[in-house]
Amino acid sequence: MVVSVGSGTAEPLTSKGIATIRGEGEMWTQSLKLTNLNGIKWTCEGESNHKKGKSVIHVDIQEMQ
């Protein structure tokens, strides 16, 4: 299991009921096989269609420096 904590914002709904979403955070795991993910930062952006009840979010995972 991977746990991720972050925060973000959404723009006000358009006339079509769509909001643009942006966020960022970090992920952590206790899995020995996935320890390389601990502390990795991510960003996301996408759209939430409130009329259809669907959201599409794209997540980018950044390499550790």
C-alpha atoms as a PDB file:
ATOM      1  CA  MET A   1       0.000   0.000   0.000  1.00  0.00           C
ATOM      2  CA  VAL A   2       1.169   3.519  -0.810  1.00  0.00           C
ATOM      3  CA  VAL A   3      -0.190   6.471   1.183  1.00  0.00           C
ATOM      4  CA  SER A   4      -0.158   9.937  -0.304  1.00  0.00           C
ATOM      5  CA  VAL A   5      -0.793  13.257   1.397  1.00  0.00           C
ATOM      6  CA  GLY A   6      -1.237  16.524  -0.435  1.00  0.00           C
ATOM      7  CA  SER A   7      -3.364  19.521  -1.120  1.00  0.00           C
ATOM      8  CA  GLY A   8      -4.745  21.352  -4.094  1.00  0.00           C
ATOM      9  CA  THR A   9      -7.158  23.830  -5.534  1.00  0.00           C
ATOM     10  CA  ALA A  10      -9.998  23.860  -8.024  1.00  0.00           C
ATOM     11  CA  GLU A  11     -11.106  26.698 -10.242  1.00  0.00           C
ATOM     12  CA  PRO A  12     -14.764  27.752 -10.121  1.00  0.00           C
ATOM     13  CA  LEU A  13     -17.122  25.695 -12.287  1.00  0.00           C
ATOM     14  CA  THR A  14     -17.519  26.733 -15.906  1.00  0.00           C
ATOM     15  CA  SER A  15     -20.967  27.083 -17.483  1.00  0.00           C
ATOM     16  CA  LYS A  16     -20.592  23.414 -18.553  1.00  0.00           C
ATOM     17  CA  GLY A  17     -20.086  22.312 -14.912  1.00  0.00           C
ATOM     18  CA  ILE A  18     -16.356  21.597 -15.256  1.00  0.00           C
ATOM     19  CA  ALA A  19     -13.705  22.593 -12.695  1.00  0.00           C
ATOM     20  CA  THR A  20      -9.934  22.544 -13.307  1.00  0.00           C
ATOM     21  CA  ILE A  21      -8.005  20.823 -10.497  1.00  0.00           C
ATOM     22  CA  ARG A  22      -4.328  21.222  -9.482  1.00  0.00           C
ATOM     23  CA  GLY A  23      -2.452  19.751  -6.503  1.00  0.00           C
ATOM     24  CA  GLU A  24       0.804  18.479  -5.042  1.00  0.00           C
ATOM     25  CA  GLY A  25       1.988  16.183  -2.267  1.00  0.00           C
ATOM     26  CA  GLU A  26       4.247  13.360  -1.096  1.00  0.00           C
ATOM     27  CA  MET A  27       3.906   9.591  -0.928  1.00  0.00           C
ATOM     28  CA  TRP A  28       5.032   7.014   1.639  1.00  0.00           C
ATOM     29  CA  THR A  29       4.967   3.235   2.013  1.00  0.00           C
ATOM     30  CA  GLN A  30       6.038   0.556   4.490  1.00  0.00           C
ATOM     31  CA  SER A  31       6.554  -1.922   1.643  1.00  0.00           C
ATOM     32  CA  LEU A  32      10.169  -3.087   1.425  1.00  0.00           C
ATOM     33  CA  LYS A  33       9.821  -3.468  -2.350  1.00  0.00           C
ATOM     34  CA  LEU A  34       8.596   0.127  -2.801  1.00  0.00           C
ATOM     35  CA  THR A  35      10.866   2.016  -0.380  1.00  0.00           C
ATOM     36  CA  ASN A  36      12.200   4.066  -3.312  1.00  0.00           C
ATOM     37  CA  LEU A  37       8.825   5.862  -3.321  1.00  0.00           C
ATOM     38  CA  ASN A  38       9.194   7.193   0.245  1.00  0.00           C
ATOM     39  CA  GLY A  39       9.274  10.981   0.228  1.00  0.00           C
ATOM     40  CA  ILE A  40       8.731  11.254  -3.539  1.00  0.00           C
ATOM     41  CA  LYS A  41       6.825  14.382  -4.495  1.00  0.00           C
ATOM     42  CA  TRP A  42       3.998  14.411  -7.023  1.00  0.00           C
ATOM     43  CA  THR A  43       1.919  17.007  -8.808  1.00  0.00           C
ATOM     44  CA  CYS A  44      -1.469  16.580 -10.441  1.00  0.00           C
ATOM     45  CA  GLU A  45      -3.884  18.391 -12.677  1.00  0.00           C
ATOM     46  CA  GLY A  46      -7.159  17.506 -14.267  1.00  0.00           C
ATOM     47  CA  GLU A  47     -10.829  18.238 -14.699  1.00  0.00           C
ATOM     48  CA  SER A  48     -13.895  17.399 -12.665  1.00  0.00           C
ATOM     49  CA  ASN A  49     -17.185  17.305 -14.541  1.00  0.00           C
ATOM     50  CA  HIS A  50     -19.857  17.926 -11.905  1.00  0.00           C
ATOM     51  CA  LYS A  51     -22.753  17.359 -14.322  1.00  0.00           C
ATOM     52  CA  LYS A  52     -21.539  13.863 -15.301  1.00  0.00           C
ATOM     53  CA  GLY A  53     -20.043  13.034 -11.894  1.00  0.00           C
ATOM     54  CA  LYS A  54     -16.664  12.152 -13.445  1.00  0.00           C
ATOM     55  CA  SER A  55     -13.117  13.368 -12.868  1.00  0.00           C
ATOM     56  CA  VAL A  56      -9.890  12.796 -14.799  1.00  0.00           C
ATOM     57  CA  ILE A  57      -6.680  13.498 -12.878  1.00  0.00           C
ATOM     58  CA  HIS A  58      -3.147  13.196 -14.308  1.00  0.00           C
ATOM     59  CA  VAL A  59      -0.375  12.624 -11.755  1.00  0.00           C
ATOM     60  CA  ASP A  60       3.320  13.310 -12.380  1.00  0.00           C
ATOM     61  CA  ILE A  61       5.792  11.666 -10.015  1.00  0.00           C
ATOM     62  CA  GLN A  62       9.042  13.589  -9.651  1.00  0.00           C
ATOM     63  CA  GLU A  63      12.415  11.883  -9.337  1.00  0.00           C
ATOM     64  CA  MET A  64      14.335  12.333  -6.104  1.00  0.00           C
ATOM     65  CA  GLN A  65      17.324  14.613  -6.428  1.00  0.00           C
END
